[in-house]
């Protein structure tokens, strides 16, 4: 993401340039991929879904693909999620999509989530043993 550089604007360390102005990036940004089924948080254009915000919608038993971008660029880190659905929790591993860095390393991950019950499903994203804030 080189929005600030393209516009000739400085971008401080720890910020992600997505156009203008520069904004502080989350450790991991999360985006829904199927635009026909999912609706990203419109209050954050060009950025991932806000924590505990509605990130996407789909029909029961139809998958929704979620992309996670590790903005801290942790090499070799395992990205995974707990899926909380009603009184049940299950774990899924993200698959690496990439490479995104010049050295062949990827910081893009994808999950496929399928709801088995009607209602809200909560994704709790982790990098290694740490829950993403």
N, C-alpha and C. Protein backbone atom coordinates (compact mmCIF):
# COMPACT_ATOMS: atom_id res chain seq x y z
N UNK A 1 0.85 -1.17 0.00
CA UNK A 1 0.00 0.00 0.00
C UNK A 1 0.90 1.24 0.00
N UNK A 2 0.87 1.97 -1.06
CA UNK A 2 1.77 3.11 -1.19
C UNK A 2 1.01 4.40 -1.45
N UNK A 3 -0.19 4.53 -0.89
CA UNK A 3 -1.04 5.68 -1.15
C UNK A 3 -0.37 7.01 -0.84
N UNK A 4 0.31 7.10 0.32
CA UNK A 4 0.95 8.36 0.69
C UNK A 4 2.15 8.64 -0.22
N UNK A 5 2.96 7.62 -0.49
CA UNK A 5 4.12 7.81 -1.37
C UNK A 5 3.68 8.25 -2.76
N UNK A 6 2.60 7.64 -3.27
CA UNK A 6 2.08 8.01 -4.58
C UNK A 6 1.62 9.47 -4.61
N UNK A 7 1.12 9.95 -3.47
CA UNK A 7 0.63 11.33 -3.38
C UNK A 7 1.72 12.29 -2.94
N UNK A 8 2.95 11.77 -2.67
CA UNK A 8 4.05 12.62 -2.22
C UNK A 8 3.90 13.08 -0.79
N UNK A 9 3.17 12.30 0.03
CA UNK A 9 2.95 12.65 1.43
C UNK A 9 3.76 11.75 2.33
N UNK A 10 4.26 12.26 3.47
CA UNK A 10 4.97 11.38 4.41
C UNK A 10 3.98 10.52 5.18
N UNK A 11 4.44 9.35 5.59
CA UNK A 11 3.62 8.46 6.42
C UNK A 11 4.51 7.96 7.55
N UNK A 12 4.15 8.26 8.79
CA UNK A 12 4.95 7.92 9.96
C UNK A 12 5.01 6.41 10.18
N UNK A 13 6.07 5.95 10.85
CA UNK A 13 6.20 4.54 11.22
C UNK A 13 4.99 4.12 12.04
N UNK A 14 4.51 2.90 11.82
CA UNK A 14 3.36 2.37 12.55
C UNK A 14 2.03 2.75 11.94
N UNK A 15 2.05 3.47 10.81
CA UNK A 15 0.82 3.85 10.13
C UNK A 15 0.77 3.16 8.78
N UNK A 16 -0.42 2.96 8.28
CA UNK A 16 -0.64 2.33 6.99
C UNK A 16 -1.21 3.39 6.06
N UNK A 17 -0.58 3.61 4.91
CA UNK A 17 -1.04 4.62 3.98
C UNK A 17 -2.02 3.98 3.00
N UNK A 18 -3.25 4.40 3.06
CA UNK A 18 -4.29 3.83 2.22
C UNK A 18 -4.87 4.84 1.25
N UNK A 19 -4.48 6.01 1.26
CA UNK A 19 -4.86 7.14 0.41
C UNK A 19 -4.46 8.36 1.19
N UNK A 20 -5.42 9.09 1.66
CA UNK A 20 -5.11 10.19 2.55
C UNK A 20 -6.30 10.40 3.44
N UNK A 21 -6.14 10.75 4.65
CA UNK A 21 -4.86 10.94 5.33
C UNK A 21 -4.29 9.61 5.80
N UNK A 22 -3.08 9.64 6.36
CA UNK A 22 -2.49 8.43 6.93
C UNK A 22 -3.30 8.04 8.16
N UNK A 23 -3.48 6.74 8.36
CA UNK A 23 -4.26 6.24 9.48
C UNK A 23 -3.47 5.15 10.18
N UNK A 24 -3.69 4.99 11.46
CA UNK A 24 -3.02 3.92 12.21
C UNK A 24 -3.65 2.59 11.82
N UNK A 25 -2.82 1.63 11.47
CA UNK A 25 -3.31 0.31 11.05
C UNK A 25 -3.54 -0.57 12.27
N UNK A 26 -4.52 -1.48 12.15
CA UNK A 26 -4.68 -2.53 13.14
C UNK A 26 -3.52 -3.50 12.97
N UNK A 27 -3.24 -4.32 14.01
CA UNK A 27 -2.24 -5.38 13.88
C UNK A 27 -2.61 -6.28 12.70
N UNK A 28 -3.89 -6.62 12.62
CA UNK A 28 -4.40 -7.44 11.52
C UNK A 28 -5.70 -6.80 11.03
N UNK A 29 -5.77 -6.49 9.74
CA UNK A 29 -7.01 -6.01 9.14
C UNK A 29 -7.76 -7.20 8.59
N UNK A 30 -9.09 -7.18 8.72
CA UNK A 30 -9.94 -8.28 8.28
C UNK A 30 -10.98 -7.73 7.30
N UNK A 31 -11.09 -8.38 6.13
CA UNK A 31 -12.00 -7.95 5.07
C UNK A 31 -12.84 -9.14 4.59
N UNK A 32 -14.12 -8.94 4.31
CA UNK A 32 -14.89 -9.99 3.62
C UNK A 32 -14.52 -9.97 2.15
N UNK A 33 -14.49 -11.13 1.49
CA UNK A 33 -14.09 -11.18 0.08
C UNK A 33 -15.26 -11.21 -0.90
N UNK A 34 -16.34 -11.90 -0.57
CA UNK A 34 -17.46 -11.99 -1.51
C UNK A 34 -18.33 -10.74 -1.40
N UNK A 35 -18.18 -9.83 -2.34
CA UNK A 35 -18.93 -8.59 -2.26
C UNK A 35 -20.42 -8.81 -2.50
N UNK A 36 -20.79 -9.86 -3.18
CA UNK A 36 -22.20 -10.13 -3.41
C UNK A 36 -22.92 -10.59 -2.16
N UNK A 37 -22.17 -11.21 -1.23
CA UNK A 37 -22.78 -11.73 -0.01
C UNK A 37 -22.42 -10.92 1.22
N UNK A 38 -21.26 -10.28 1.21
CA UNK A 38 -20.76 -9.64 2.41
C UNK A 38 -20.77 -8.13 2.27
N UNK A 39 -20.96 -7.47 3.39
CA UNK A 39 -20.95 -6.01 3.41
C UNK A 39 -19.94 -5.58 4.44
N UNK A 40 -18.86 -4.95 3.99
CA UNK A 40 -17.85 -4.46 4.92
C UNK A 40 -18.38 -3.23 5.64
N UNK A 41 -17.72 -2.89 6.72
CA UNK A 41 -18.09 -1.72 7.51
C UNK A 41 -17.84 -0.47 6.68
N UNK A 42 -18.89 0.17 6.22
CA UNK A 42 -18.78 1.32 5.32
C UNK A 42 -18.19 2.54 6.00
N UNK A 43 -18.11 2.55 7.32
CA UNK A 43 -17.53 3.69 8.02
C UNK A 43 -16.01 3.67 7.98
N UNK A 44 -15.42 2.62 7.43
CA UNK A 44 -13.96 2.48 7.38
C UNK A 44 -13.52 2.16 5.95
N UNK A 45 -13.77 3.02 4.98
CA UNK A 45 -13.41 2.68 3.60
C UNK A 45 -11.91 2.46 3.44
N UNK A 46 -11.55 1.38 2.70
CA UNK A 46 -10.15 1.08 2.46
C UNK A 46 -9.46 0.42 3.62
N UNK A 47 -10.16 0.21 4.72
CA UNK A 47 -9.58 -0.42 5.90
C UNK A 47 -10.41 -1.63 6.25
N UNK A 48 -9.87 -2.44 7.14
CA UNK A 48 -10.57 -3.64 7.55
C UNK A 48 -11.76 -3.34 8.44
N UNK A 49 -12.46 -4.39 8.78
CA UNK A 49 -13.64 -4.27 9.65
C UNK A 49 -13.19 -3.89 11.06
N UNK A 50 -13.93 -3.01 11.70
CA UNK A 50 -13.65 -2.63 13.08
C UNK A 50 -13.95 -3.81 14.00
N UNK A 51 -13.22 -3.89 15.09
CA UNK A 51 -13.43 -4.98 16.05
C UNK A 51 -14.86 -4.94 16.58
N UNK A 52 -15.50 -6.09 16.62
CA UNK A 52 -16.87 -6.29 17.10
C UNK A 52 -17.91 -5.60 16.22
N UNK A 53 -17.54 -5.23 14.99
CA UNK A 53 -18.49 -4.64 14.04
C UNK A 53 -18.96 -5.73 13.08
N UNK A 54 -20.12 -5.52 12.48
CA UNK A 54 -20.60 -6.43 11.45
C UNK A 54 -19.65 -6.32 10.25
N UNK A 55 -19.07 -7.45 9.88
CA UNK A 55 -18.09 -7.44 8.80
C UNK A 55 -18.66 -8.05 7.52
N UNK A 56 -19.63 -8.91 7.64
CA UNK A 56 -20.20 -9.51 6.45
C UNK A 56 -21.47 -10.26 6.78
N UNK A 57 -22.24 -10.54 5.75
CA UNK A 57 -23.46 -11.33 5.93
C UNK A 57 -23.50 -12.42 4.87
N UNK A 58 -24.13 -13.52 5.22
CA UNK A 58 -24.31 -14.62 4.29
C UNK A 58 -25.51 -15.44 4.75
N UNK A 59 -25.95 -16.35 3.92
CA UNK A 59 -27.03 -17.24 4.30
C UNK A 59 -26.48 -18.40 5.12
N UNK A 60 -27.35 -18.97 5.95
CA UNK A 60 -26.97 -20.13 6.75
C UNK A 60 -26.46 -21.23 5.85
N UNK A 61 -25.35 -21.85 6.24
CA UNK A 61 -24.68 -22.96 5.54
C UNK A 61 -24.01 -22.55 4.23
N UNK A 62 -23.95 -21.26 3.93
CA UNK A 62 -23.20 -20.77 2.76
C UNK A 62 -21.91 -20.13 3.27
N UNK A 63 -20.78 -20.51 2.70
CA UNK A 63 -19.51 -19.97 3.21
C UNK A 63 -19.31 -18.50 2.84
N UNK A 64 -18.55 -17.84 3.69
CA UNK A 64 -18.09 -16.49 3.40
C UNK A 64 -16.57 -16.50 3.57
N UNK A 65 -15.87 -15.97 2.60
CA UNK A 65 -14.41 -15.92 2.67
C UNK A 65 -14.00 -14.62 3.34
N UNK A 66 -13.05 -14.73 4.25
CA UNK A 66 -12.53 -13.59 5.00
C UNK A 66 -11.03 -13.52 4.76
N UNK A 67 -10.54 -12.34 4.43
CA UNK A 67 -9.09 -12.15 4.24
C UNK A 67 -8.54 -11.37 5.42
N UNK A 68 -7.41 -11.83 5.94
CA UNK A 68 -6.71 -11.16 7.03
C UNK A 68 -5.35 -10.69 6.51
N UNK A 69 -4.99 -9.45 6.82
CA UNK A 69 -3.71 -8.87 6.42
C UNK A 69 -2.92 -8.61 7.69
N UNK A 70 -1.77 -9.28 7.84
CA UNK A 70 -0.92 -9.08 9.02
C UNK A 70 -0.06 -7.85 8.79
N UNK A 71 -0.49 -6.71 9.32
CA UNK A 71 0.23 -5.45 9.14
C UNK A 71 1.53 -5.39 9.91
N UNK A 72 1.70 -6.24 10.91
CA UNK A 72 2.97 -6.30 11.64
C UNK A 72 3.99 -7.15 10.91
N UNK A 73 3.56 -7.83 9.85
CA UNK A 73 4.44 -8.64 9.00
C UNK A 73 5.27 -9.63 9.81
N UNK A 74 4.59 -10.43 10.59
CA UNK A 74 5.25 -11.46 11.40
C UNK A 74 5.63 -12.63 10.50
N UNK A 75 6.90 -12.90 10.39
CA UNK A 75 7.37 -14.00 9.53
C UNK A 75 7.05 -15.35 10.14
N UNK A 76 6.43 -16.21 9.32
CA UNK A 76 6.16 -17.58 9.73
C UNK A 76 5.12 -17.73 10.83
N UNK A 77 4.37 -16.69 11.09
CA UNK A 77 3.37 -16.75 12.16
C UNK A 77 2.14 -17.53 11.71
N UNK A 78 1.55 -18.27 12.62
CA UNK A 78 0.33 -19.02 12.35
C UNK A 78 -0.85 -18.13 12.67
N UNK A 79 -1.70 -17.87 11.68
CA UNK A 79 -2.90 -17.07 11.88
C UNK A 79 -4.09 -18.03 11.92
N UNK A 80 -4.92 -17.90 12.93
CA UNK A 80 -6.06 -18.79 13.11
C UNK A 80 -7.19 -18.03 13.80
N UNK A 81 -8.35 -18.65 13.86
CA UNK A 81 -9.50 -17.99 14.48
C UNK A 81 -10.34 -18.98 15.27
N UNK A 82 -10.89 -18.50 16.37
CA UNK A 82 -11.97 -19.20 17.05
C UNK A 82 -13.25 -18.64 16.47
N UNK A 83 -14.17 -19.52 16.13
CA UNK A 83 -15.47 -19.10 15.63
C UNK A 83 -16.48 -19.38 16.74
N UNK A 84 -17.10 -18.31 17.24
CA UNK A 84 -18.10 -18.44 18.30
C UNK A 84 -19.48 -18.35 17.65
N UNK A 85 -20.22 -19.43 17.76
CA UNK A 85 -21.55 -19.52 17.14
C UNK A 85 -22.51 -20.13 18.16
N UNK A 86 -23.36 -19.27 18.72
CA UNK A 86 -24.25 -19.73 19.78
C UNK A 86 -23.42 -20.18 20.97
N UNK A 87 -23.68 -21.39 21.49
CA UNK A 87 -22.94 -21.90 22.63
C UNK A 87 -21.77 -22.79 22.21
N UNK A 88 -21.42 -22.75 20.94
CA UNK A 88 -20.37 -23.61 20.39
C UNK A 88 -19.20 -22.77 19.89
N UNK A 89 -17.98 -23.24 20.12
CA UNK A 89 -16.76 -22.59 19.61
C UNK A 89 -15.97 -23.63 18.84
N UNK A 90 -15.51 -23.25 17.66
CA UNK A 90 -14.64 -24.13 16.88
C UNK A 90 -13.46 -23.32 16.36
N UNK A 91 -12.41 -24.01 16.02
CA UNK A 91 -11.16 -23.37 15.60
C UNK A 91 -10.92 -23.66 14.13
N UNK A 92 -10.47 -22.62 13.37
CA UNK A 92 -10.06 -22.83 11.98
C UNK A 92 -8.70 -22.17 11.76
N UNK A 93 -7.93 -22.80 10.91
CA UNK A 93 -6.63 -22.25 10.52
C UNK A 93 -6.80 -21.44 9.24
N UNK A 94 -6.06 -20.36 9.14
CA UNK A 94 -6.08 -19.57 7.91
C UNK A 94 -5.07 -20.17 6.94
N UNK A 95 -5.35 -20.04 5.66
CA UNK A 95 -4.37 -20.48 4.66
C UNK A 95 -3.63 -19.23 4.15
N UNK A 96 -2.38 -19.43 3.86
CA UNK A 96 -1.54 -18.32 3.37
C UNK A 96 -1.87 -18.04 1.92
N UNK A 97 -1.99 -16.76 1.58
CA UNK A 97 -2.20 -16.31 0.22
C UNK A 97 -1.03 -15.40 -0.10
N UNK A 98 -0.37 -15.61 -1.19
CA UNK A 98 0.77 -14.71 -1.44
C UNK A 98 1.71 -15.26 -2.47
N UNK A 99 2.95 -14.89 -2.50
CA UNK A 99 3.65 -14.01 -1.56
C UNK A 99 3.32 -12.53 -1.78
N UNK A 100 3.49 -11.74 -0.71
CA UNK A 100 3.22 -10.31 -0.79
C UNK A 100 4.46 -9.46 -0.57
N UNK A 101 5.50 -10.06 -0.03
CA UNK A 101 6.74 -9.31 0.22
C UNK A 101 7.77 -9.68 -0.85
N UNK A 102 8.73 -8.81 -1.06
CA UNK A 102 9.76 -9.04 -2.07
C UNK A 102 10.60 -10.27 -1.81
N UNK A 103 10.64 -10.74 -0.57
CA UNK A 103 11.45 -11.90 -0.23
C UNK A 103 10.68 -13.21 -0.34
N UNK A 104 9.48 -13.18 -0.92
CA UNK A 104 8.69 -14.39 -1.09
C UNK A 104 7.80 -14.72 0.10
N UNK A 105 7.82 -13.87 1.13
CA UNK A 105 6.99 -14.08 2.31
C UNK A 105 5.61 -13.50 2.08
N UNK A 106 4.60 -14.12 2.67
CA UNK A 106 3.25 -13.60 2.54
C UNK A 106 2.70 -13.17 3.89
N UNK A 107 1.96 -12.08 3.88
CA UNK A 107 1.29 -11.59 5.08
C UNK A 107 -0.22 -11.53 4.87
N UNK A 108 -0.71 -12.22 3.83
CA UNK A 108 -2.13 -12.32 3.55
C UNK A 108 -2.60 -13.73 3.90
N UNK A 109 -3.75 -13.80 4.55
CA UNK A 109 -4.31 -15.07 4.97
C UNK A 109 -5.80 -15.08 4.65
N UNK A 110 -6.35 -16.26 4.42
CA UNK A 110 -7.79 -16.36 4.17
C UNK A 110 -8.41 -17.45 5.03
N UNK A 111 -9.63 -17.17 5.49
CA UNK A 111 -10.47 -18.10 6.23
C UNK A 111 -11.72 -18.33 5.39
N UNK A 112 -12.32 -19.48 5.54
CA UNK A 112 -13.66 -19.69 5.00
C UNK A 112 -14.55 -20.07 6.17
N UNK A 113 -15.57 -19.26 6.39
CA UNK A 113 -16.44 -19.44 7.54
C UNK A 113 -17.85 -19.80 7.05
N UNK A 114 -18.41 -20.84 7.64
CA UNK A 114 -19.79 -21.25 7.32
C UNK A 114 -20.58 -21.29 8.61
N UNK A 115 -21.69 -20.56 8.65
CA UNK A 115 -22.57 -20.56 9.82
C UNK A 115 -23.52 -21.75 9.73
N UNK A 116 -23.63 -22.47 10.82
CA UNK A 116 -24.55 -23.61 10.84
C UNK A 116 -25.85 -23.28 11.58
N UNK A 117 -25.86 -22.13 12.26
CA UNK A 117 -27.05 -21.70 12.99
C UNK A 117 -27.43 -20.30 12.53
N UNK A 118 -28.69 -19.94 12.70
CA UNK A 118 -29.14 -18.59 12.42
C UNK A 118 -28.65 -17.68 13.54
N UNK A 119 -28.11 -16.53 13.19
CA UNK A 119 -27.66 -15.58 14.20
C UNK A 119 -26.29 -15.02 13.87
N UNK A 120 -25.67 -14.44 14.87
CA UNK A 120 -24.38 -13.79 14.71
C UNK A 120 -23.26 -14.79 15.00
N UNK A 121 -22.23 -14.75 14.17
CA UNK A 121 -21.03 -15.54 14.37
C UNK A 121 -19.90 -14.56 14.67
N UNK A 122 -19.13 -14.83 15.70
CA UNK A 122 -18.03 -13.95 16.08
C UNK A 122 -16.71 -14.64 15.77
N UNK A 123 -15.83 -13.92 15.06
CA UNK A 123 -14.48 -14.42 14.78
C UNK A 123 -13.52 -13.79 15.78
N UNK A 124 -12.74 -14.64 16.43
CA UNK A 124 -11.71 -14.20 17.36
C UNK A 124 -10.37 -14.55 16.70
N UNK A 125 -9.70 -13.56 16.14
CA UNK A 125 -8.50 -13.78 15.32
C UNK A 125 -7.26 -13.83 16.22
N UNK A 126 -6.38 -14.79 15.93
CA UNK A 126 -5.13 -14.96 16.68
C UNK A 126 -3.94 -14.98 15.72
N UNK A 127 -2.82 -14.46 16.21
CA UNK A 127 -1.52 -14.62 15.53
C UNK A 127 -0.64 -15.37 16.53
N UNK A 128 -0.31 -16.60 16.21
CA UNK A 128 0.40 -17.44 17.16
C UNK A 128 -0.50 -17.69 18.35
N UNK A 129 0.01 -17.40 19.55
CA UNK A 129 -0.77 -17.59 20.77
C UNK A 129 -1.45 -16.31 21.24
N UNK A 130 -1.32 -15.23 20.48
CA UNK A 130 -1.84 -13.93 20.90
C UNK A 130 -3.13 -13.57 20.17
N UNK A 131 -4.18 -13.23 20.94
CA UNK A 131 -5.40 -12.73 20.31
C UNK A 131 -5.12 -11.33 19.80
N UNK A 132 -5.58 -11.05 18.57
CA UNK A 132 -5.35 -9.74 17.97
C UNK A 132 -6.22 -8.70 18.67
N UNK A 133 -5.61 -7.60 19.11
CA UNK A 133 -6.40 -6.57 19.82
C UNK A 133 -7.35 -5.85 18.88
